[in-house]
Amino acid sequence: MDNLIKINRFCLYLLVFAACFEYWDPFGFAKTISIAKIGTIPYFISSLPFLKDYLRFSFLSRYLVPLLIFILAGIFATTINDQYADSVFDIINDRLVQLVLLMVLIAAHIYLDNKVLSGLLKVYVAGMFVMSILFILGIGEQYKGGRLLLFGENANQTGMKCALSLIIIIYEITRKNIKLRIRIFNLIIIIPILNLLISSGSRGALLSLIIGVFLFIMFGKISVVRKIGLGLVALLFSASILVFIYNNDRDFRIRIERSIEKGDTAGRTELWEAAYRIIEDNVIFGVGNPGMMPAMRLYSGINQQPHNLFLELWLTSGIIGLLFFLLFLFRLIRSLFAKLKKDGNLLYLSLFVIVMLNMIKSGGSLGLIFAWIFFGVIIGSTVVHHNKRSVDMAI
């Protein structure tokens, strides 16, 4: 059994590392088999011996029940809009079901093994560091419409993943009683990841990183004097980054100027307006998951998703589905604030904010594996210190 535990833990680390390269298709299977999907399979298989244990924890039901009702609402919406479904397999969003199960497994795994949480974060940072080094070496680098397309993933998602890893590193650097050499090492690995974030040209990623840093300062349990000092440092750092971008990255500079001067949303406004008109005609039940793209094409003339999480939820699962997904988020936020009140750890609240900022403005964000991995990590973080039966899984 000890060997199975070690294998399961290793497979989880492998999955998290692979999720950094979510859309990479190294074998040329037209994105049907990506590195992330390959990483998911061994974790699911290695979890089978522990599935009974993973699914019996009562704390998971407060998150799982709203998500199950949300999924059922989507099934019902598709059923009453069956003209959009080509087969019975279109009725259920199997990708979403798999990701919710993955979230549950990760949260339960963290509950059973307190040590795995810090390991997951380190593996994720290592994955993004490797990606940033490969980018510097020109490996996996492509451009589409002037924007970076790294390992098949769009620039906004790459930037947001960088922001998540940078927040984790900054948290490590600011922790008390950390050895100087560890702080220096973390400062060094920040450089290539920050370079990748800037190269992505993602305004949302840069903004979310700044928000995450200021969350640490504003709500952290530190003295007022230290808050002022760290705030000034963060302000100076943010200004330095913006000046660097302005002077060295013309495309990113233009994108920032358009946001400030014209409120540019990179074409999202038209998609939001079309989604709103669809919702006006389908307020209660939506159009179902298979009906979203045909409806968007009909109302906007563009074969694009709404690029807004809440509009997408309303479109695909109706008002009931949207409300129950919001209930899931509300319960998660409440648990995060309870954790914050108890131990003052702002890391997981900051990670949640960054994940949500990305999901809110991205098309198809409900199907992003890294988002659900972090939901599992965040849920696990809220109960990790409650478990008194921590399993010794040290390798």
Protein backbone atom coordinates (compact mmCIF):
# COMPACT_ATOMS: atom_id res chain seq x y z
CA MET A 1 0.00 0.00 0.00
CA ASP A 2 2.88 2.39 0.76
CA ASN A 3 4.14 1.99 -2.81
CA LEU A 4 0.66 2.76 -4.19
CA ILE A 5 0.52 5.91 -2.06
CA LYS A 6 3.88 7.05 -3.41
CA ILE A 7 2.83 6.31 -7.01
CA ASN A 8 -0.42 8.24 -6.52
CA ARG A 9 1.46 11.21 -5.14
CA PHE A 10 3.99 11.14 -7.98
CA CYS A 11 1.17 10.97 -10.56
CA LEU A 12 -0.45 14.02 -8.99
CA TYR A 13 2.81 15.95 -9.27
CA LEU A 14 3.17 14.77 -12.87
CA LEU A 15 -0.34 16.00 -13.65
CA VAL A 16 0.31 19.45 -12.17
CA PHE A 17 3.55 19.77 -14.13
CA ALA A 18 1.80 18.64 -17.33
CA ALA A 19 -1.04 21.14 -16.78
CA CYS A 20 1.47 23.94 -17.34
CA PHE A 21 1.58 22.70 -20.96
CA GLU A 22 -2.19 22.24 -21.19
CA TYR A 23 -2.56 22.67 -24.97
CA TRP A 24 0.78 21.28 -26.13
CA ASP A 25 0.21 18.58 -28.76
CA PRO A 26 3.69 17.08 -29.24
CA PHE A 27 2.46 13.96 -31.05
CA GLY A 28 0.40 15.77 -33.68
CA PHE A 29 -3.01 14.39 -32.73
CA ALA A 30 -4.83 17.66 -33.56
CA LYS A 31 -5.11 18.51 -29.84
CA THR A 32 -7.15 15.38 -29.08
CA ILE A 33 -4.29 14.10 -26.93
CA SER A 34 -2.31 16.81 -25.17
CA ILE A 35 0.38 16.60 -22.51
CA ALA A 36 -2.19 17.61 -19.89
CA LYS A 37 -4.57 14.82 -20.90
CA ILE A 38 -1.75 12.32 -20.85
CA GLY A 39 -0.88 13.50 -17.33
CA THR A 40 -4.50 13.11 -16.18
CA ILE A 41 -4.80 9.43 -17.09
CA PRO A 42 -2.17 7.98 -14.67
CA TYR A 43 -3.50 10.14 -11.82
CA PHE A 44 -7.04 8.83 -12.27
CA ILE A 45 -5.78 5.24 -12.51
CA SER A 46 -3.48 5.56 -9.48
CA SER A 47 -6.35 7.07 -7.46
CA LEU A 48 -8.65 4.07 -7.98
CA PRO A 49 -7.40 2.17 -4.90
CA PHE A 50 -8.14 5.25 -2.78
CA LEU A 51 -11.35 6.34 -4.48
CA LYS A 52 -13.57 5.12 -1.65
CA ASP A 53 -11.56 7.18 0.83
CA TYR A 54 -11.37 10.25 -1.42
CA LEU A 55 -15.13 10.43 -1.98
CA ARG A 56 -16.34 9.95 1.61
CA PHE A 57 -15.33 13.27 3.16
CA SER A 58 -18.32 15.35 4.21
CA PHE A 59 -16.56 18.69 3.65
CA LEU A 60 -16.57 18.03 -0.10
CA SER A 61 -20.37 17.85 -0.32
CA ARG A 62 -20.79 21.60 0.26
CA TYR A 63 -18.87 22.19 -2.99
CA LEU A 64 -19.90 19.11 -4.93
CA VAL A 65 -23.68 19.39 -4.51
CA PRO A 66 -23.98 22.87 -6.14
CA LEU A 67 -21.75 21.70 -8.99
CA LEU A 68 -23.82 18.56 -9.56
CA ILE A 69 -27.02 20.64 -9.71
CA PHE A 70 -25.22 23.02 -12.10
CA ILE A 71 -24.31 20.06 -14.33
CA LEU A 72 -27.89 18.73 -14.20
CA ALA A 73 -29.20 22.19 -15.17
CA GLY A 74 -26.93 22.05 -18.23
CA ILE A 75 -28.25 18.61 -19.14
CA PHE A 76 -31.83 19.88 -18.84
CA ALA A 77 -31.03 22.97 -20.93
CA THR A 78 -29.56 20.80 -23.68
CA THR A 79 -32.52 18.42 -23.56
CA ILE A 80 -35.10 21.15 -24.15
CA ASN A 81 -32.88 22.60 -26.92
CA ASP A 82 -32.25 19.21 -28.53
CA GLN A 83 -32.14 20.73 -32.03
CA TYR A 84 -28.53 21.65 -31.29
CA ALA A 85 -27.52 18.16 -30.07
CA ASP A 86 -26.20 15.83 -32.79
CA SER A 87 -26.27 12.76 -30.55
CA VAL A 88 -27.15 11.62 -27.04
CA PHE A 89 -23.51 12.16 -26.07
CA ASP A 90 -23.96 15.93 -26.52
CA ILE A 91 -26.47 16.06 -23.68
CA ILE A 92 -23.84 15.95 -20.94
CA ASN A 93 -20.65 17.99 -20.82
CA ASP A 94 -18.32 15.06 -20.13
CA ARG A 95 -15.27 17.35 -20.00
CA LEU A 96 -16.82 19.29 -17.11
CA VAL A 97 -17.73 16.09 -15.25
CA GLN A 98 -14.12 14.87 -15.53
CA LEU A 99 -12.74 18.18 -14.27
CA VAL A 100 -15.11 18.30 -11.28
CA LEU A 101 -14.05 14.74 -10.40
CA LEU A 102 -10.41 15.80 -10.73
CA MET A 103 -11.03 18.74 -8.38
CA VAL A 104 -12.62 16.41 -5.82
CA LEU A 105 -9.75 13.93 -6.00
CA ILE A 106 -7.13 16.66 -5.53
CA ALA A 107 -8.96 18.28 -2.60
CA ALA A 108 -9.40 14.89 -0.89
CA HIS A 109 -5.79 13.94 -1.61
CA ILE A 110 -4.59 17.13 0.08
CA TYR A 111 -6.86 16.43 3.06
CA LEU A 112 -5.40 12.95 3.49
CA ASP A 113 -1.82 14.05 2.92
CA ASN A 114 -1.01 17.45 4.43
CA LYS A 115 2.49 17.36 2.95
CA VAL A 116 1.31 17.22 -0.65
CA LEU A 117 -0.01 20.80 -0.74
CA SER A 118 3.37 22.55 -0.62
CA GLY A 119 4.75 19.97 -3.04
CA LEU A 120 2.01 20.76 -5.56
CA LEU A 121 2.82 24.46 -5.49
CA LYS A 122 6.53 23.79 -5.92
CA VAL A 123 5.90 21.49 -8.87
CA TYR A 124 3.65 24.09 -10.49
CA VAL A 125 6.32 26.79 -10.12
CA ALA A 126 8.90 24.36 -11.52
CA GLY A 127 6.66 23.71 -14.53
CA MET A 128 6.26 27.40 -15.28
CA PHE A 129 10.00 27.96 -14.79
CA VAL A 130 10.76 25.21 -17.32
CA MET A 131 8.25 26.75 -19.73
CA SER A 132 9.84 30.20 -19.35
CA ILE A 133 13.33 28.77 -20.02
CA LEU A 134 12.07 26.91 -23.10
CA PHE A 135 10.54 30.18 -24.30
CA ILE A 136 13.89 31.94 -23.92
CA LEU A 137 15.44 29.12 -25.98
CA GLY A 138 12.76 29.59 -28.66
CA ILE A 139 11.17 26.17 -28.10
CA GLY A 140 7.39 25.94 -28.57
CA GLU A 141 7.19 29.60 -29.58
CA GLN A 142 4.72 30.69 -32.27
CA TYR A 143 2.82 33.88 -33.01
CA LYS A 144 -0.76 34.33 -34.20
CA GLY A 145 -2.12 37.77 -35.01
CA GLY A 146 0.96 39.30 -33.43
CA ARG A 147 0.30 37.54 -30.08
CA LEU A 148 2.40 34.82 -28.50
CA LEU A 149 1.12 31.26 -28.90
CA LEU A 150 3.38 29.18 -26.63
CA PHE A 151 2.99 25.40 -26.80
CA GLY A 152 -0.40 25.90 -28.47
CA GLU A 153 -1.82 28.03 -25.65
CA ASN A 154 -3.10 31.56 -26.11
CA ALA A 155 -1.16 34.42 -24.59
CA ASN A 156 -3.76 35.39 -21.97
CA GLN A 157 -3.76 31.93 -20.39
CA THR A 158 0.03 31.74 -20.50
CA GLY A 159 0.21 35.13 -18.79
CA MET A 160 -2.27 34.12 -16.12
CA LYS A 161 -0.37 30.92 -15.35
CA CYS A 162 2.76 33.04 -14.97
CA ALA A 163 0.90 35.35 -12.57
CA LEU A 164 -0.15 32.37 -10.43
CA SER A 165 3.41 31.06 -10.19
CA LEU A 166 4.79 34.53 -9.42
CA ILE A 167 2.33 34.98 -6.55
CA ILE A 168 3.43 31.62 -5.11
CA ILE A 169 7.10 32.67 -5.36
CA ILE A 170 6.42 36.08 -3.79
CA TYR A 171 4.61 34.36 -0.93
CA GLU A 172 7.66 32.14 -0.37
CA ILE A 173 10.02 35.12 -0.39
CA THR A 174 7.94 37.08 2.14
CA ARG A 175 7.52 34.20 4.60
CA LYS A 176 9.23 34.53 7.95
CA ASN A 177 12.26 32.43 8.92
CA ILE A 178 13.19 31.63 5.31
CA LYS A 179 16.91 31.17 4.73
CA LEU A 180 18.65 33.84 2.70
CA ARG A 181 19.82 31.42 -0.01
CA ILE A 182 16.22 30.29 -0.56
CA ARG A 183 15.07 33.90 -0.92
CA ILE A 184 17.87 34.56 -3.44
CA PHE A 185 17.00 31.39 -5.38
CA ASN A 186 13.34 32.45 -5.57
CA LEU A 187 14.32 35.94 -6.71
CA ILE A 188 16.37 34.38 -9.52
CA ILE A 189 13.58 32.14 -10.82
CA ILE A 190 11.19 35.10 -10.83
CA ILE A 191 13.13 36.72 -13.69
CA PRO A 192 12.39 34.29 -16.58
CA ILE A 193 8.76 33.80 -15.47
CA LEU A 194 8.19 37.55 -15.28
CA ASN A 195 9.81 37.88 -18.71
CA LEU A 196 7.32 35.33 -20.08
CA LEU A 197 4.39 37.19 -18.52
CA ILE A 198 5.51 40.44 -20.17
CA SER A 199 6.10 38.67 -23.49
CA SER A 200 2.56 37.28 -23.39
CA GLY A 201 1.22 40.84 -23.65
CA SER A 202 -1.65 39.92 -21.32
CA ARG A 203 -3.08 43.00 -19.63
CA GLY A 204 -5.28 40.88 -17.40
CA ALA A 205 -2.35 38.79 -16.19
CA LEU A 206 -0.30 41.87 -15.34
CA LEU A 207 -3.25 43.48 -13.53
CA SER A 208 -4.02 40.30 -11.59
CA LEU A 209 -0.39 39.99 -10.49
CA ILE A 210 -0.46 43.56 -9.16
CA ILE A 211 -3.79 42.89 -7.41
CA GLY A 212 -2.39 39.71 -5.87
CA VAL A 213 0.67 41.53 -4.51
CA PHE A 214 -1.44 44.30 -3.00
CA LEU A 215 -3.75 41.73 -1.39
CA PHE A 216 -0.72 40.43 0.50
CA ILE A 217 0.09 43.93 1.66
CA MET A 218 -3.40 45.21 2.45
CA PHE A 219 -4.76 42.21 4.35
CA GLY A 220 -1.63 40.47 5.60
CA LYS A 221 -1.02 40.25 9.35
CA ILE A 222 1.91 42.66 9.40
CA SER A 223 2.56 45.96 11.13
CA VAL A 224 1.37 49.24 9.64
CA VAL A 225 4.95 50.40 9.18
CA ARG A 226 5.83 47.23 7.27
CA LYS A 227 2.65 47.54 5.17
CA ILE A 228 3.63 51.06 4.16
CA GLY A 229 7.17 49.95 3.35
CA LEU A 230 6.06 46.92 1.33
CA GLY A 231 3.37 49.01 -0.38
CA LEU A 232 5.96 51.54 -1.52
CA VAL A 233 8.23 48.73 -2.76
CA ALA A 234 5.31 47.08 -4.62
CA LEU A 235 4.29 50.43 -6.11
CA LEU A 236 7.85 51.11 -7.25
CA PHE A 237 8.13 47.58 -8.67
CA SER A 238 4.83 47.90 -10.56
CA ALA A 239 5.82 51.30 -11.95
CA SER A 240 9.20 49.89 -13.01
CA ILE A 241 7.52 47.02 -14.86
CA LEU A 242 5.15 49.39 -16.64
CA VAL A 243 8.04 51.69 -17.62
CA PHE A 244 10.01 48.70 -18.88
CA ILE A 245 7.05 47.52 -20.97
CA TYR A 246 6.43 51.02 -22.30
CA ASN A 247 10.02 51.38 -23.45
CA ASN A 248 10.72 47.84 -24.68
CA ASP A 249 7.49 46.18 -25.81
CA ARG A 250 5.65 48.23 -28.41
CA ASP A 251 2.70 45.84 -28.87
CA PHE A 252 2.07 45.49 -25.13
CA ARG A 253 2.38 49.28 -24.73
CA ILE A 254 -0.25 49.85 -27.42
CA ARG A 255 -2.60 47.34 -25.75
CA ILE A 256 -2.25 49.10 -22.39
CA GLU A 257 -2.80 52.53 -23.97
CA ARG A 258 -5.94 51.30 -25.71
CA SER A 259 -7.27 49.95 -22.42
CA ILE A 260 -6.67 53.24 -20.61
CA GLU A 261 -7.67 55.68 -23.35
CA LYS A 262 -10.48 53.83 -25.13
CA GLY A 263 -11.54 51.08 -22.75
CA ASP A 264 -10.55 48.53 -25.38
CA THR A 265 -11.69 44.97 -24.58
CA ALA A 266 -10.04 43.24 -27.58
CA GLY A 267 -13.40 42.64 -29.29
CA ARG A 268 -15.11 41.20 -26.21
CA THR A 269 -17.76 43.94 -26.02
CA GLU A 270 -19.46 42.75 -29.22
CA LEU A 271 -19.46 39.17 -27.95
CA TRP A 272 -20.93 40.24 -24.60
CA GLU A 273 -23.70 42.17 -26.34
CA ALA A 274 -24.57 39.16 -28.51
CA ALA A 275 -24.58 36.84 -25.48
CA TYR A 276 -26.85 39.26 -23.61
CA ARG A 277 -29.35 39.25 -26.51
CA ILE A 278 -29.35 35.44 -26.54
CA ILE A 279 -30.00 35.41 -22.79
CA GLU A 280 -32.89 37.86 -23.22
CA ASP A 281 -34.51 35.29 -25.51
CA ASN A 282 -33.61 32.31 -23.28
CA VAL A 283 -33.61 33.72 -19.75
CA ILE A 284 -34.72 30.66 -17.78
CA PHE A 285 -33.15 27.64 -19.45
CA GLY A 286 -30.44 29.00 -21.75
CA VAL A 287 -29.61 27.19 -25.00
CA GLY A 288 -27.53 24.29 -23.65
CA ASN A 289 -23.85 23.62 -24.19
CA PRO A 290 -24.16 22.43 -27.84
CA GLY A 291 -26.35 25.46 -28.63
CA MET A 292 -23.90 28.12 -27.43
CA MET A 293 -21.72 28.35 -30.56
CA PRO A 294 -24.59 28.22 -33.10
CA ALA A 295 -26.46 30.90 -31.13
CA MET A 296 -23.36 33.11 -30.86
CA ARG A 297 -22.76 32.75 -34.58
CA LEU A 298 -26.39 33.67 -35.31
CA TYR A 299 -26.47 36.72 -33.01
CA SER A 300 -22.94 38.06 -33.52
CA GLY A 301 -21.86 36.69 -36.89
CA ILE A 302 -18.71 35.40 -35.17
CA ASN A 303 -17.96 31.79 -34.29
CA GLN A 304 -16.72 32.71 -30.81
CA GLN A 305 -17.63 32.00 -27.21
CA PRO A 306 -18.88 34.92 -25.08
CA HIS A 307 -15.48 35.39 -23.36
CA ASN A 308 -17.27 35.95 -20.09
CA LEU A 309 -17.69 33.08 -17.64
CA PHE A 310 -21.03 34.17 -16.18
CA LEU A 311 -22.62 34.88 -19.56
CA GLU A 312 -21.41 31.47 -20.75
CA LEU A 313 -22.88 29.77 -17.69
CA TRP A 314 -26.23 31.48 -18.23
CA LEU A 315 -26.21 30.55 -21.91
CA THR A 316 -25.40 26.89 -21.37
CA SER A 317 -27.25 26.04 -18.15
CA GLY A 318 -29.84 28.78 -17.65
CA ILE A 319 -30.44 30.90 -14.59
CA ILE A 320 -30.60 27.85 -12.28
CA GLY A 321 -27.20 26.59 -13.40
CA LEU A 322 -25.68 30.05 -13.00
CA LEU A 323 -27.06 30.47 -9.47
CA PHE A 324 -25.73 27.10 -8.30
CA PHE A 325 -22.29 27.76 -9.76
CA LEU A 326 -22.31 31.09 -7.93
CA LEU A 327 -23.27 29.18 -4.77
CA PHE A 328 -20.19 26.98 -5.28
CA LEU A 329 -18.01 30.10 -5.57
CA PHE A 330 -19.68 31.73 -2.56
CA ARG A 331 -19.02 28.71 -0.37
CA LEU A 332 -15.41 28.59 -1.51
CA ILE A 333 -14.92 32.29 -0.81
CA ARG A 334 -16.47 31.93 2.64
CA SER A 335 -14.09 29.06 3.44
CA LEU A 336 -11.14 31.11 2.24
CA PHE A 337 -12.05 34.03 4.49
CA ALA A 338 -12.51 31.65 7.42
CA LYS A 339 -9.00 30.32 6.76
CA LEU A 340 -7.68 33.86 6.45
CA LYS A 341 -9.22 34.81 9.79
CA LYS A 342 -7.66 31.75 11.40
CA ASP A 343 -4.07 31.82 10.12
CA GLY A 344 -3.69 35.05 8.12
CA ASN A 345 -2.51 33.13 5.03
CA LEU A 346 -3.48 35.18 1.97
CA LEU A 347 -1.82 32.96 -0.63
CA TYR A 348 -4.88 30.88 -1.50
CA LEU A 349 -7.26 33.84 -1.59
CA SER A 350 -4.83 35.54 -3.99
CA LEU A 351 -4.65 32.40 -6.15
CA PHE A 352 -8.46 32.25 -6.22
CA VAL A 353 -8.69 35.89 -7.31
CA ILE A 354 -6.20 35.34 -10.14
CA VAL A 355 -7.94 32.17 -11.35
CA MET A 356 -11.32 33.91 -11.36
CA LEU A 357 -10.00 37.00 -13.15
CA ASN A 358 -8.78 34.70 -15.91
CA MET A 359 -11.96 32.61 -16.08
CA ILE A 360 -14.27 35.61 -16.12
CA LYS A 361 -12.79 37.06 -19.30
CA SER A 362 -11.73 33.91 -21.17
CA GLY A 363 -13.63 31.88 -23.73
CA GLY A 364 -14.23 28.27 -22.72
CA SER A 365 -12.61 28.84 -19.33
CA LEU A 366 -14.90 26.27 -17.70
CA GLY A 367 -12.92 23.59 -19.54
CA LEU A 368 -9.46 24.72 -18.40
CA ILE A 369 -7.76 21.93 -16.47
CA PHE A 370 -5.46 24.29 -14.56
CA ALA A 371 -8.46 26.23 -13.21
CA TRP A 372 -10.02 23.09 -11.71
CA ILE A 373 -6.66 21.90 -10.40
CA PHE A 374 -6.41 25.17 -8.50
CA PHE A 375 -10.00 24.87 -7.29
CA GLY A 376 -8.97 21.51 -5.82
CA VAL A 377 -5.81 23.01 -4.32
CA ILE A 378 -7.75 25.93 -2.82
CA ILE A 379 -10.46 23.68 -1.33
CA GLY A 380 -7.77 21.39 0.07
CA SER A 381 -5.97 24.36 1.61
CA THR A 382 -9.05 25.27 3.67
CA VAL A 383 -9.06 21.91 5.47
CA VAL A 384 -5.42 20.86 5.38
CA HIS A 385 -4.76 21.82 9.00
CA HIS A 386 -8.03 20.34 10.24
CA ASN A 387 -6.97 16.77 9.50
CA LYS A 388 -5.33 15.11 12.49
CA ARG A 389 -4.70 11.82 10.65
CA SER A 390 -2.13 13.01 8.14
CA VAL A 391 -0.83 10.08 6.15
CA ASP A 392 2.96 9.84 5.96
CA MET A 393 3.60 9.79 2.23
CA ALA A 394 7.16 11.11 2.26
CA ILE A 395 9.13 9.73 -0.65
